[in-house]
C-alpha cells in the first residue's frame, strides 16, 4: 500500500515536493473537513508554529510517490503544542524529556479510510510511529487529542495514560495523553492490523541515508 518515510532536517531538501503535498493535505483535512478555519492559509497549506527544523515528519508515500498519510513528532524539550497552547491538559506539569516527543497532525487521506472498521492504512501509520521511536530510542509520546483517542490507542495495544482532565475547547473536548513506546506495543499493533513486516522505508539503513536514498531511487 505505502511505506513510511522519515523526513527531518537532514533530508528535507530531498523531500520538498512531498512535504508540500503533506501540508496541502493537512489543510484539506483540518480546515476543509474538520472546519478548523483559524488554521486556513491563502496558499492552501496548513503550517503552524511547530513546523520547525526540530520537527520530524513520518510520511506515508506510495510507489507512485504520492503522499497518502502523515504524522509529526516534535521534541518535548522544544516548544510544542501542549507546552505552549494547552499546558492545562497536564495536571502535574508538562512532561519534558530528551526521549519524549509530542505526536500531532496524524492523518490518512479519505480514499484509504475504511468505514465501519479499523483502517489498515491507519495501522501502517501507527506501526511506523512505534517502529521509528524504537529505532531512534524515543521512549514515549505525548498527545493532544480528542477523548476517543484514549480508547482507540488502548485497543491497538499502546496503553495510554491520561495526563489530566478533559478541556472544553471551541472545536470540541480535548485531552492530554502519554504513551510509552515498547516492543510489546509494536507487536500488538501489528497483530491488530495484520501487519507482518516493517513499514519503514529501508528501516535497516541509517536515518538520514535511508530517507535520502529512498527519494532519489523513486524519483
N, C-alpha and C. Protein backbone atom coordinates (compact mmCIF):
# COMPACT_ATOMS: atom_id res chain seq x y z
N UNK A 1 0.84 -1.20 0.00
CA UNK A 1 0.00 0.00 0.00
C UNK A 1 0.87 1.25 0.00
N UNK A 2 1.65 1.43 1.03
CA UNK A 2 2.63 2.51 1.11
C UNK A 2 3.59 2.20 2.24
N UNK A 3 4.71 2.93 2.28
CA UNK A 3 5.67 2.81 3.36
C UNK A 3 5.87 4.17 4.02
N UNK A 4 6.41 4.13 5.22
CA UNK A 4 6.60 5.34 5.99
C UNK A 4 8.02 5.85 5.78
N UNK A 5 8.13 7.06 5.27
CA UNK A 5 9.42 7.72 5.05
C UNK A 5 9.65 8.73 6.17
N UNK A 6 10.85 8.74 6.70
CA UNK A 6 11.21 9.65 7.78
C UNK A 6 11.87 10.89 7.19
N UNK A 7 11.32 12.05 7.52
CA UNK A 7 11.85 13.31 6.99
C UNK A 7 12.19 14.22 8.16
N UNK A 8 13.46 14.61 8.23
CA UNK A 8 13.89 15.53 9.28
C UNK A 8 14.81 16.58 8.67
N UNK A 9 15.47 17.36 9.49
CA UNK A 9 16.28 18.46 8.97
C UNK A 9 17.40 17.98 8.05
N UNK A 10 17.81 16.71 8.20
CA UNK A 10 18.92 16.20 7.40
C UNK A 10 18.55 15.92 5.95
N UNK A 11 17.26 15.76 5.66
CA UNK A 11 16.89 15.37 4.30
C UNK A 11 15.68 16.12 3.75
N UNK A 12 15.27 17.20 4.42
CA UNK A 12 14.09 17.93 3.96
C UNK A 12 14.23 18.43 2.52
N UNK A 13 15.44 18.77 2.10
CA UNK A 13 15.63 19.29 0.75
C UNK A 13 15.30 18.24 -0.29
N UNK A 14 15.48 16.98 0.04
CA UNK A 14 15.17 15.89 -0.89
C UNK A 14 13.66 15.67 -0.98
N UNK A 15 12.95 15.96 0.10
CA UNK A 15 11.52 15.68 0.19
C UNK A 15 10.65 16.92 0.06
N UNK A 16 11.15 17.97 -0.57
CA UNK A 16 10.39 19.22 -0.63
C UNK A 16 9.01 19.04 -1.27
N UNK A 17 8.93 18.31 -2.37
CA UNK A 17 7.63 18.11 -3.02
C UNK A 17 6.68 17.34 -2.12
N UNK A 18 7.19 16.31 -1.45
CA UNK A 18 6.35 15.50 -0.58
C UNK A 18 5.87 16.32 0.63
N UNK A 19 6.75 17.14 1.19
CA UNK A 19 6.35 17.97 2.31
C UNK A 19 5.30 18.99 1.89
N UNK A 20 5.45 19.55 0.70
CA UNK A 20 4.45 20.49 0.21
C UNK A 20 3.09 19.81 0.08
N UNK A 21 3.08 18.59 -0.45
CA UNK A 21 1.84 17.83 -0.56
C UNK A 21 1.27 17.52 0.82
N UNK A 22 2.16 17.17 1.75
CA UNK A 22 1.73 16.87 3.13
C UNK A 22 1.02 18.07 3.75
N UNK A 23 1.59 19.26 3.61
CA UNK A 23 0.97 20.47 4.19
C UNK A 23 -0.36 20.79 3.50
N UNK A 24 -0.45 20.53 2.19
CA UNK A 24 -1.71 20.78 1.48
C UNK A 24 -2.80 19.80 1.95
N UNK A 25 -2.43 18.54 2.15
CA UNK A 25 -3.40 17.57 2.63
C UNK A 25 -3.84 17.92 4.05
N UNK A 26 -2.90 18.35 4.88
CA UNK A 26 -3.26 18.81 6.22
C UNK A 26 -4.30 19.91 6.15
N UNK A 27 -4.13 20.84 5.23
CA UNK A 27 -5.09 21.94 5.07
C UNK A 27 -6.45 21.39 4.64
N UNK A 28 -6.45 20.47 3.69
CA UNK A 28 -7.71 19.88 3.23
C UNK A 28 -8.45 19.20 4.37
N UNK A 29 -7.70 18.49 5.23
CA UNK A 29 -8.33 17.71 6.29
C UNK A 29 -8.72 18.59 7.48
N UNK A 30 -7.77 19.37 7.99
CA UNK A 30 -8.04 20.10 9.22
C UNK A 30 -8.89 21.35 9.00
N UNK A 31 -8.72 22.01 7.87
CA UNK A 31 -9.54 23.18 7.57
C UNK A 31 -10.80 22.78 6.81
N UNK A 32 -10.62 22.02 5.71
CA UNK A 32 -11.75 21.64 4.88
C UNK A 32 -12.70 20.66 5.52
N UNK A 33 -12.17 19.53 6.04
CA UNK A 33 -13.02 18.50 6.63
C UNK A 33 -13.46 18.85 8.05
N UNK A 34 -12.52 19.25 8.86
CA UNK A 34 -12.80 19.40 10.28
C UNK A 34 -13.29 20.80 10.65
N UNK A 35 -13.13 21.74 9.74
CA UNK A 35 -13.66 23.07 9.98
C UNK A 35 -12.83 23.92 10.92
N UNK A 36 -11.54 23.64 11.04
CA UNK A 36 -10.69 24.46 11.89
C UNK A 36 -10.23 25.68 11.08
N UNK A 37 -11.15 26.60 10.87
CA UNK A 37 -10.92 27.70 9.94
C UNK A 37 -9.85 28.68 10.41
N UNK A 38 -9.54 28.66 11.69
CA UNK A 38 -8.46 29.53 12.17
C UNK A 38 -7.10 29.10 11.63
N UNK A 39 -7.02 27.87 11.08
CA UNK A 39 -5.78 27.38 10.51
C UNK A 39 -5.67 27.67 9.01
N UNK A 40 -6.71 28.25 8.42
CA UNK A 40 -6.74 28.47 6.98
C UNK A 40 -5.63 29.44 6.55
N UNK A 41 -5.03 29.12 5.41
CA UNK A 41 -4.00 29.98 4.83
C UNK A 41 -4.29 30.18 3.34
N UNK A 42 -3.97 31.35 2.80
CA UNK A 42 -4.23 31.61 1.39
C UNK A 42 -3.53 30.64 0.44
N UNK A 43 -2.37 30.10 0.85
CA UNK A 43 -1.64 29.21 -0.04
C UNK A 43 -2.12 27.76 0.04
N UNK A 44 -3.16 27.52 0.88
CA UNK A 44 -3.72 26.18 0.95
C UNK A 44 -2.83 25.16 1.63
N UNK A 45 -1.88 25.62 2.45
CA UNK A 45 -1.01 24.71 3.20
C UNK A 45 -1.21 24.97 4.69
N UNK A 46 -1.42 23.91 5.46
CA UNK A 46 -1.62 24.07 6.91
C UNK A 46 -0.26 23.92 7.58
N UNK A 47 0.31 25.05 7.97
CA UNK A 47 1.62 25.09 8.62
C UNK A 47 1.47 25.91 9.89
N UNK A 48 1.97 25.39 11.02
CA UNK A 48 1.82 26.13 12.27
C UNK A 48 3.17 26.42 12.92
N UNK A 49 3.11 26.95 14.12
CA UNK A 49 4.31 27.39 14.84
C UNK A 49 5.29 26.26 15.09
N UNK A 50 4.81 25.03 15.10
CA UNK A 50 5.65 23.90 15.50
C UNK A 50 6.23 23.13 14.31
N UNK A 51 5.99 23.64 13.11
CA UNK A 51 6.63 23.08 11.91
C UNK A 51 7.99 23.75 11.74
N UNK A 52 8.91 23.37 12.58
CA UNK A 52 10.25 23.95 12.61
C UNK A 52 11.27 22.93 12.16
N UNK A 53 12.53 23.32 12.20
CA UNK A 53 13.61 22.40 11.85
C UNK A 53 13.75 21.27 12.86
N UNK A 54 13.13 21.42 14.02
CA UNK A 54 13.17 20.34 15.02
C UNK A 54 12.13 19.27 14.76
N UNK A 55 11.14 19.56 13.91
CA UNK A 55 10.06 18.61 13.66
C UNK A 55 10.57 17.43 12.82
N UNK A 56 9.99 16.28 13.09
CA UNK A 56 10.25 15.07 12.30
C UNK A 56 8.92 14.65 11.70
N UNK A 57 8.91 14.42 10.39
CA UNK A 57 7.68 14.02 9.70
C UNK A 57 7.78 12.57 9.27
N UNK A 58 6.75 11.82 9.53
CA UNK A 58 6.66 10.44 9.07
C UNK A 58 5.57 10.41 8.00
N UNK A 59 5.99 10.31 6.75
CA UNK A 59 5.09 10.43 5.62
C UNK A 59 4.80 9.07 5.00
N UNK A 60 3.52 8.78 4.79
CA UNK A 60 3.15 7.59 4.05
C UNK A 60 3.20 7.91 2.56
N UNK A 61 4.14 7.27 1.85
CA UNK A 61 4.36 7.57 0.43
C UNK A 61 4.22 6.28 -0.38
N UNK A 62 3.42 6.33 -1.44
CA UNK A 62 3.22 5.17 -2.29
C UNK A 62 4.38 5.02 -3.27
N UNK A 63 4.38 3.90 -3.99
CA UNK A 63 5.40 3.68 -5.03
C UNK A 63 5.32 4.72 -6.12
N UNK A 64 4.12 5.29 -6.31
CA UNK A 64 3.94 6.33 -7.31
C UNK A 64 4.34 7.71 -6.79
N UNK A 65 4.90 7.74 -5.57
CA UNK A 65 5.39 8.97 -4.94
C UNK A 65 4.28 9.91 -4.50
N UNK A 66 3.11 9.35 -4.19
CA UNK A 66 2.01 10.15 -3.66
C UNK A 66 1.99 10.08 -2.13
N UNK A 67 1.79 11.21 -1.49
CA UNK A 67 1.65 11.25 -0.04
C UNK A 67 0.20 10.91 0.30
N UNK A 68 0.01 9.88 1.12
CA UNK A 68 -1.34 9.43 1.46
C UNK A 68 -1.58 9.38 2.97
N UNK A 69 -0.55 9.65 3.75
CA UNK A 69 -0.68 9.63 5.20
C UNK A 69 0.46 10.44 5.80
N UNK A 70 0.28 10.86 7.05
CA UNK A 70 1.34 11.64 7.67
C UNK A 70 1.20 11.77 9.17
N UNK A 71 2.31 12.11 9.80
CA UNK A 71 2.38 12.39 11.23
C UNK A 71 3.52 13.37 11.46
N UNK A 72 3.48 14.01 12.62
CA UNK A 72 4.56 14.91 13.00
C UNK A 72 4.99 14.63 14.43
N UNK A 73 6.29 14.62 14.66
CA UNK A 73 6.85 14.50 16.00
C UNK A 73 7.67 15.74 16.31
N UNK A 74 7.48 16.28 17.52
CA UNK A 74 8.23 17.46 17.97
C UNK A 74 8.84 17.14 19.33
N UNK A 75 10.13 17.37 19.53
CA UNK A 75 10.74 17.08 20.83
C UNK A 75 10.11 17.90 21.95
N UNK A 76 9.82 17.28 23.07
CA UNK A 76 9.19 17.99 24.18
C UNK A 76 10.16 18.93 24.89
N UNK A 77 11.45 18.85 24.54
CA UNK A 77 12.41 19.80 25.09
C UNK A 77 12.36 21.13 24.35
N UNK A 78 11.62 21.17 23.26
CA UNK A 78 11.42 22.39 22.49
C UNK A 78 9.95 22.82 22.62
N UNK A 79 9.60 24.04 22.23
CA UNK A 79 8.19 24.44 22.28
C UNK A 79 7.32 23.50 21.45
N UNK A 80 6.21 23.08 22.01
CA UNK A 80 5.30 22.18 21.31
C UNK A 80 3.87 22.51 21.72
N UNK A 81 2.91 21.85 21.11
CA UNK A 81 1.50 22.22 21.28
C UNK A 81 1.07 22.19 22.74
N UNK A 82 1.43 21.14 23.47
CA UNK A 82 1.00 21.05 24.85
C UNK A 82 1.68 22.10 25.73
N UNK A 83 2.94 22.33 25.50
CA UNK A 83 3.65 23.27 26.37
C UNK A 83 3.24 24.72 26.12
N UNK A 84 2.95 25.06 24.86
CA UNK A 84 2.71 26.46 24.53
C UNK A 84 1.23 26.84 24.47
N UNK A 85 0.36 25.87 24.17
CA UNK A 85 -1.05 26.19 23.96
C UNK A 85 -1.96 25.54 25.00
N UNK A 86 -1.68 24.29 25.35
CA UNK A 86 -2.57 23.55 26.24
C UNK A 86 -1.85 22.96 27.46
N UNK A 87 -1.08 23.75 28.21
CA UNK A 87 -0.39 23.19 29.37
C UNK A 87 -1.35 22.70 30.45
N UNK A 88 -2.59 23.23 30.45
CA UNK A 88 -3.57 22.83 31.45
C UNK A 88 -4.01 21.38 31.29
N UNK A 89 -3.68 20.75 30.16
CA UNK A 89 -4.03 19.34 29.96
C UNK A 89 -3.15 18.42 30.80
N UNK A 90 -2.01 18.91 31.25
CA UNK A 90 -1.09 18.10 32.05
C UNK A 90 -1.21 18.54 33.51
N UNK A 91 -1.96 17.78 34.29
CA UNK A 91 -2.29 18.16 35.66
C UNK A 91 -1.06 18.36 36.53
N UNK A 92 -0.04 17.53 36.34
CA UNK A 92 1.17 17.61 37.16
C UNK A 92 2.31 18.32 36.45
N UNK A 93 1.99 19.05 35.41
CA UNK A 93 3.01 19.77 34.67
C UNK A 93 3.33 19.10 33.35
N UNK A 94 3.69 19.90 32.36
CA UNK A 94 4.00 19.38 31.03
C UNK A 94 5.26 18.52 31.10
N UNK A 95 5.18 17.33 30.54
CA UNK A 95 6.30 16.41 30.53
C UNK A 95 7.35 16.86 29.51
N UNK A 96 8.60 16.92 29.94
CA UNK A 96 9.70 17.30 29.04
C UNK A 96 10.86 16.35 29.29
N UNK A 97 11.35 15.76 28.22
CA UNK A 97 12.47 14.84 28.33
C UNK A 97 13.07 14.64 26.94
N UNK A 98 14.40 14.49 26.83
CA UNK A 98 15.00 14.28 25.50
C UNK A 98 14.46 13.04 24.79
N UNK A 99 13.99 12.07 25.55
CA UNK A 99 13.47 10.85 24.95
C UNK A 99 11.98 10.86 24.73
N UNK A 100 11.36 12.02 24.92
CA UNK A 100 9.90 12.14 24.81
C UNK A 100 9.55 13.16 23.72
N UNK A 101 8.69 12.75 22.80
CA UNK A 101 8.26 13.62 21.70
C UNK A 101 6.74 13.79 21.72
N UNK A 102 6.29 14.91 21.17
CA UNK A 102 4.85 15.11 21.01
C UNK A 102 4.43 14.66 19.62
N UNK A 103 3.32 13.91 19.56
CA UNK A 103 2.80 13.38 18.30
C UNK A 103 1.55 14.15 17.91
N UNK A 104 1.57 14.78 16.74
CA UNK A 104 0.44 15.56 16.26
C UNK A 104 0.28 15.41 14.75
N UNK A 105 -0.80 16.00 14.24
CA UNK A 105 -1.08 16.12 12.82
C UNK A 105 -1.01 14.76 12.09
N UNK A 106 -1.67 13.77 12.68
CA UNK A 106 -1.73 12.45 12.05
C UNK A 106 -2.96 12.38 11.15
N UNK A 107 -2.80 11.81 9.97
CA UNK A 107 -3.94 11.67 9.06
C UNK A 107 -3.71 10.53 8.07
N UNK A 108 -4.82 10.07 7.51
CA UNK A 108 -4.84 9.20 6.35
C UNK A 108 -5.80 9.84 5.36
N UNK A 109 -5.46 9.86 4.08
CA UNK A 109 -6.34 10.50 3.10
C UNK A 109 -7.67 9.76 3.03
N UNK A 110 -8.76 10.47 2.70
CA UNK A 110 -10.09 9.85 2.69
C UNK A 110 -10.18 8.57 1.85
N UNK A 111 -9.45 8.50 0.74
CA UNK A 111 -9.56 7.35 -0.15
C UNK A 111 -9.10 6.05 0.50
N UNK A 112 -8.28 6.15 1.56
CA UNK A 112 -7.76 4.94 2.21
C UNK A 112 -8.45 4.64 3.54
N UNK A 113 -9.45 5.43 3.90
CA UNK A 113 -10.20 5.15 5.12
C UNK A 113 -11.22 4.04 4.85
N UNK A 114 -11.56 3.30 5.88
CA UNK A 114 -12.49 2.19 5.73
C UNK A 114 -13.63 2.37 6.73
N UNK A 115 -14.80 2.69 6.21
CA UNK A 115 -15.94 2.95 7.07
C UNK A 115 -16.38 1.69 7.81
N UNK A 116 -16.59 1.84 9.12
CA UNK A 116 -17.13 0.74 9.90
C UNK A 116 -16.12 -0.25 10.41
N UNK A 117 -14.85 -0.06 10.10
CA UNK A 117 -13.83 -0.97 10.62
C UNK A 117 -12.48 -0.26 10.66
N UNK A 118 -11.52 -0.78 11.45
CA UNK A 118 -10.20 -0.14 11.54
C UNK A 118 -9.52 -0.10 10.17
N UNK A 119 -8.99 1.04 9.82
CA UNK A 119 -8.33 1.22 8.54
C UNK A 119 -6.92 0.62 8.57
N UNK A 120 -6.63 -0.23 7.59
CA UNK A 120 -5.28 -0.80 7.50
C UNK A 120 -4.25 0.31 7.27
N UNK A 121 -4.64 1.33 6.51
CA UNK A 121 -3.73 2.45 6.27
C UNK A 121 -3.35 3.13 7.58
N UNK A 122 -4.34 3.33 8.47
CA UNK A 122 -4.04 3.92 9.77
C UNK A 122 -3.13 3.00 10.56
N UNK A 123 -3.33 1.69 10.44
CA UNK A 123 -2.48 0.73 11.12
C UNK A 123 -1.03 0.84 10.68
N UNK A 124 -0.81 1.08 9.40
CA UNK A 124 0.56 1.25 8.90
C UNK A 124 1.18 2.49 9.53
N UNK A 125 0.40 3.56 9.65
CA UNK A 125 0.89 4.78 10.28
C UNK A 125 1.28 4.51 11.73
N UNK A 126 0.40 3.83 12.48
CA UNK A 126 0.67 3.56 13.89
C UNK A 126 1.89 2.66 14.05
N UNK A 127 1.99 1.63 13.22
CA UNK A 127 3.16 0.75 13.29
C UNK A 127 4.44 1.53 12.97
N UNK A 128 4.35 2.42 12.00
CA UNK A 128 5.52 3.22 11.64
C UNK A 128 5.97 4.12 12.77
N UNK A 129 5.01 4.68 13.49
CA UNK A 129 5.34 5.54 14.63
C UNK A 129 6.13 4.75 15.67
N UNK A 130 5.61 3.58 16.05
CA UNK A 130 6.28 2.79 17.08
C UNK A 130 7.64 2.30 16.59
N UNK A 131 7.70 1.82 15.35
CA UNK A 131 8.97 1.36 14.79
C UNK A 131 10.02 2.45 14.85
N UNK A 132 9.63 3.64 14.39
CA UNK A 132 10.59 4.74 14.36
C UNK A 132 11.06 5.10 15.76
N UNK A 133 10.13 5.17 16.69
CA UNK A 133 10.51 5.53 18.07
C UNK A 133 11.48 4.51 18.65
N UNK A 134 11.23 3.23 18.41
CA UNK A 134 12.14 2.21 18.91
C UNK A 134 13.50 2.32 18.22
N UNK A 135 13.50 2.60 16.93
CA UNK A 135 14.75 2.75 16.18
C UNK A 135 15.56 3.93 16.69
N UNK A 136 14.88 5.04 16.98
CA UNK A 136 15.57 6.27 17.41
C UNK A 136 15.74 6.34 18.92
N UNK A 137 15.26 5.31 19.62
CA UNK A 137 15.32 5.28 21.09
C UNK A 137 14.52 6.42 21.71
N UNK A 138 13.38 6.71 21.11
CA UNK A 138 12.40 7.63 21.69
C UNK A 138 11.52 6.80 22.62
N UNK A 139 11.53 7.12 23.90
CA UNK A 139 10.89 6.26 24.89
C UNK A 139 9.38 6.43 24.95
N UNK A 140 8.87 7.60 24.55
CA UNK A 140 7.43 7.80 24.66
C UNK A 140 6.95 9.02 23.91
N UNK A 141 5.62 9.17 23.86
CA UNK A 141 4.98 10.28 23.18
C UNK A 141 3.99 10.95 24.10
N UNK A 142 3.80 12.24 23.91
CA UNK A 142 2.66 12.93 24.49
C UNK A 142 1.74 13.33 23.34
N UNK A 143 0.45 13.44 23.64
CA UNK A 143 -0.53 13.66 22.58
C UNK A 143 -1.61 14.61 23.08
N UNK A 144 -1.96 15.60 22.27
CA UNK A 144 -3.14 16.43 22.48
C UNK A 144 -4.18 15.93 21.49
N UNK A 145 -5.32 15.47 21.98
CA UNK A 145 -6.26 14.78 21.08
C UNK A 145 -7.68 14.81 21.65
N UNK A 146 -8.61 14.33 20.85
CA UNK A 146 -9.98 14.16 21.30
C UNK A 146 -10.06 12.95 22.22
N UNK A 147 -11.04 12.92 23.14
CA UNK A 147 -11.13 11.82 24.11
C UNK A 147 -11.22 10.43 23.50
N UNK A 148 -11.78 10.28 22.29
CA UNK A 148 -11.92 8.94 21.72
C UNK A 148 -10.58 8.29 21.42
N UNK A 149 -9.52 9.09 21.34
CA UNK A 149 -8.21 8.52 21.06
C UNK A 149 -7.73 7.62 22.20
N UNK A 150 -8.18 7.88 23.41
CA UNK A 150 -7.76 7.04 24.53
C UNK A 150 -8.17 5.59 24.28
N UNK A 151 -9.43 5.37 23.94
CA UNK A 151 -9.90 4.01 23.68
C UNK A 151 -9.28 3.43 22.42
N UNK A 152 -9.10 4.26 21.40
CA UNK A 152 -8.50 3.77 20.16
C UNK A 152 -7.09 3.26 20.41
N UNK A 153 -6.28 4.03 21.11
CA UNK A 153 -4.89 3.62 21.35
C UNK A 153 -4.82 2.44 22.30
N UNK A 154 -5.70 2.39 23.27
CA UNK A 154 -5.72 1.24 24.18
C UNK A 154 -6.09 -0.03 23.42
N UNK A 155 -7.02 0.08 22.49
CA UNK A 155 -7.45 -1.08 21.73
C UNK A 155 -6.32 -1.67 20.89
N UNK A 156 -5.47 -0.82 20.33
CA UNK A 156 -4.39 -1.35 19.49
C UNK A 156 -3.15 -1.73 20.28
N UNK A 157 -3.19 -1.53 21.61
CA UNK A 157 -2.11 -2.02 22.44
C UNK A 157 -1.10 -1.01 22.91
N UNK A 158 -1.46 0.29 22.92
CA UNK A 158 -0.49 1.31 23.29
C UNK A 158 -0.51 1.70 24.77
N UNK A 159 -1.50 1.28 25.53
CA UNK A 159 -1.60 1.57 26.96
C UNK A 159 -1.43 3.06 27.29
N UNK A 160 -2.30 3.92 26.77
CA UNK A 160 -2.19 5.36 27.02
C UNK A 160 -2.50 5.71 28.48
N UNK A 161 -1.90 6.79 28.94
CA UNK A 161 -2.15 7.31 30.28
C UNK A 161 -2.68 8.74 30.17
N UNK A 162 -3.76 9.03 30.90
CA UNK A 162 -4.30 10.39 30.90
C UNK A 162 -3.41 11.30 31.74
N UNK A 163 -3.18 12.50 31.25
CA UNK A 163 -2.35 13.46 31.97
C UNK A 163 -3.17 14.43 32.81
N UNK A 164 -4.47 14.44 32.63
CA UNK A 164 -5.33 15.34 33.38
C UNK A 164 -6.77 15.23 32.90
N UNK A 165 -7.58 16.17 33.31
CA UNK A 165 -8.99 16.18 32.94
C UNK A 165 -9.19 16.74 31.54
N UNK A 166 -10.29 16.37 30.89
CA UNK A 166 -10.60 16.93 29.57
C UNK A 166 -10.78 18.45 29.64
N UNK A 167 -10.50 19.09 28.54
CA UNK A 167 -10.66 20.53 28.42
C UNK A 167 -11.72 20.82 27.36
N UNK A 168 -12.71 21.63 27.72
CA UNK A 168 -13.70 22.05 26.73
C UNK A 168 -13.09 23.11 25.83
N UNK A 169 -13.08 22.81 24.54
CA UNK A 169 -12.47 23.69 23.54
C UNK A 169 -13.51 24.03 22.49
N UNK A 170 -13.33 25.13 21.79
CA UNK A 170 -14.33 25.56 20.81
C UNK A 170 -14.53 24.54 19.70
N UNK A 171 -13.51 23.71 19.43
CA UNK A 171 -13.63 22.68 18.40
C UNK A 171 -13.99 21.32 18.99
N UNK A 172 -14.33 21.29 20.30
CA UNK A 172 -14.69 20.04 20.96
C UNK A 172 -13.74 19.74 22.10
N UNK A 173 -14.12 18.77 22.94
CA UNK A 173 -13.28 18.41 24.10
C UNK A 173 -11.95 17.83 23.64
N UNK A 174 -10.89 18.12 24.41
CA UNK A 174 -9.57 17.56 24.13
C UNK A 174 -8.97 17.08 25.45
N UNK A 175 -8.04 16.13 25.32
CA UNK A 175 -7.33 15.59 26.48
C UNK A 175 -5.84 15.51 26.18
N UNK A 176 -5.06 15.32 27.23
CA UNK A 176 -3.63 15.08 27.08
C UNK A 176 -3.31 13.65 27.47
N UNK A 177 -2.54 12.97 26.64
CA UNK A 177 -2.15 11.59 26.91
C UNK A 177 -0.64 11.45 26.85
N UNK A 178 -0.15 10.41 27.50
CA UNK A 178 1.24 9.97 27.32
C UNK A 178 1.22 8.49 26.99
N UNK A 179 2.14 8.07 26.16
CA UNK A 179 2.23 6.68 25.73
C UNK A 179 3.68 6.26 25.71
N UNK A 180 3.98 5.11 26.30
CA UNK A 180 5.33 4.55 26.26
C UNK A 180 5.48 3.68 25.02
N UNK A 181 6.58 3.85 24.30
CA UNK A 181 6.84 3.06 23.10
C UNK A 181 7.60 1.79 23.48
N UNK A 182 7.02 0.64 23.18
CA UNK A 182 7.62 -0.64 23.56
C UNK A 182 7.55 -1.64 22.42
N UNK A 183 8.40 -2.65 22.48
CA UNK A 183 8.35 -3.73 21.50
C UNK A 183 7.03 -4.49 21.61
N UNK A 184 6.54 -4.63 22.82
CA UNK A 184 5.25 -5.30 23.00
C UNK A 184 4.14 -4.52 22.33
N UNK A 185 4.18 -3.19 22.47
CA UNK A 185 3.18 -2.36 21.82
C UNK A 185 3.23 -2.49 20.31
N UNK A 186 4.44 -2.56 19.76
CA UNK A 186 4.58 -2.75 18.32
C UNK A 186 3.99 -4.09 17.89
N UNK A 187 4.30 -5.14 18.64
CA UNK A 187 3.78 -6.47 18.31
C UNK A 187 2.26 -6.50 18.35
N UNK A 188 1.68 -5.86 19.36
CA UNK A 188 0.22 -5.85 19.48
C UNK A 188 -0.42 -5.01 18.38
N UNK A 189 0.21 -3.91 18.00
CA UNK A 189 -0.32 -3.08 16.93
C UNK A 189 -0.26 -3.83 15.61
N UNK A 190 0.84 -4.49 15.36
CA UNK A 190 0.96 -5.29 14.13
C UNK A 190 -0.10 -6.38 14.08
N UNK A 191 -0.29 -7.05 15.19
CA UNK A 191 -1.27 -8.13 15.24
C UNK A 191 -2.68 -7.60 15.00
N UNK A 192 -2.99 -6.45 15.57
CA UNK A 192 -4.33 -5.89 15.44
C UNK A 192 -4.65 -5.56 13.98
N UNK A 193 -3.65 -5.05 13.25
CA UNK A 193 -3.89 -4.63 11.87
C UNK A 193 -3.41 -5.64 10.83
N UNK A 194 -2.87 -6.75 11.27
CA UNK A 194 -2.41 -7.75 10.32
C UNK A 194 -1.17 -7.33 9.57
N UNK A 195 -0.33 -6.51 10.20
CA UNK A 195 0.93 -6.08 9.58
C UNK A 195 2.01 -7.07 9.96
N UNK A 196 2.70 -7.62 8.99
CA UNK A 196 3.65 -8.72 9.27
C UNK A 196 5.11 -8.34 9.11
N UNK A 197 5.38 -7.13 8.67
CA UNK A 197 6.77 -6.74 8.46
C UNK A 197 6.95 -5.25 8.72
N UNK A 198 8.19 -4.80 8.67
CA UNK A 198 8.48 -3.39 8.88
C UNK A 198 7.77 -2.54 7.83
N UNK A 199 7.25 -1.39 8.27
CA UNK A 199 6.61 -0.46 7.35
C UNK A 199 7.49 0.75 7.06
N UNK A 200 8.65 0.83 7.72
CA UNK A 200 9.57 1.93 7.48
C UNK A 200 10.36 1.67 6.21
N UNK A 201 10.54 2.70 5.42
CA UNK A 201 11.33 2.59 4.21
C UNK A 201 12.78 2.28 4.55
N UNK A 202 13.30 1.16 4.07
CA UNK A 202 14.68 0.74 4.29
C UNK A 202 15.07 0.93 5.75
N UNK A 203 14.34 0.28 6.63
CA UNK A 203 14.48 0.53 8.06
C UNK A 203 15.80 0.10 8.65
N UNK A 204 16.61 -0.67 7.90
CA UNK A 204 17.90 -1.09 8.44
C UNK A 204 19.01 -0.10 8.12
N UNK A 205 18.72 0.93 7.31
CA UNK A 205 19.73 1.91 6.95
C UNK A 205 19.75 3.05 7.95
N UNK A 206 20.89 3.76 8.06
CA UNK A 206 20.93 4.94 8.92
C UNK A 206 19.84 5.93 8.52
N UNK A 207 19.32 6.66 9.47
CA UNK A 207 18.15 7.50 9.26
C UNK A 207 18.30 8.45 8.08
N UNK A 208 19.31 9.29 8.09
CA UNK A 208 19.44 10.26 7.01
C UNK A 208 19.68 9.61 5.67
N UNK A 209 20.53 8.59 5.62
CA UNK A 209 20.82 7.91 4.36
C UNK A 209 19.59 7.22 3.84
N UNK A 210 18.80 6.60 4.73
CA UNK A 210 17.63 5.85 4.31
C UNK A 210 16.64 6.75 3.58
N UNK A 211 16.28 7.87 4.19
CA UNK A 211 15.27 8.73 3.60
C UNK A 211 15.79 9.38 2.33
N UNK A 212 17.04 9.85 2.35
CA UNK A 212 17.60 10.49 1.18
C UNK A 212 17.67 9.53 0.02
N UNK A 213 18.17 8.33 0.26
CA UNK A 213 18.31 7.35 -0.80
C UNK A 213 16.96 6.94 -1.35
N UNK A 214 15.98 6.79 -0.45
CA UNK A 214 14.66 6.33 -0.89
C UNK A 214 14.04 7.30 -1.88
N UNK A 215 14.17 8.60 -1.61
CA UNK A 215 13.57 9.57 -2.50
C UNK A 215 14.31 9.61 -3.84
N UNK A 216 15.64 9.52 -3.81
CA UNK A 216 16.41 9.54 -5.03
C UNK A 216 16.09 8.34 -5.91
N UNK A 217 15.93 7.16 -5.30
CA UNK A 217 15.71 5.95 -6.05
C UNK A 217 14.32 5.90 -6.65
N UNK A 218 13.37 6.65 -6.08
CA UNK A 218 12.00 6.54 -6.53
C UNK A 218 11.51 7.77 -7.27
N UNK A 219 12.42 8.66 -7.60
CA UNK A 219 12.02 9.87 -8.34
C UNK A 219 11.88 9.56 -9.83
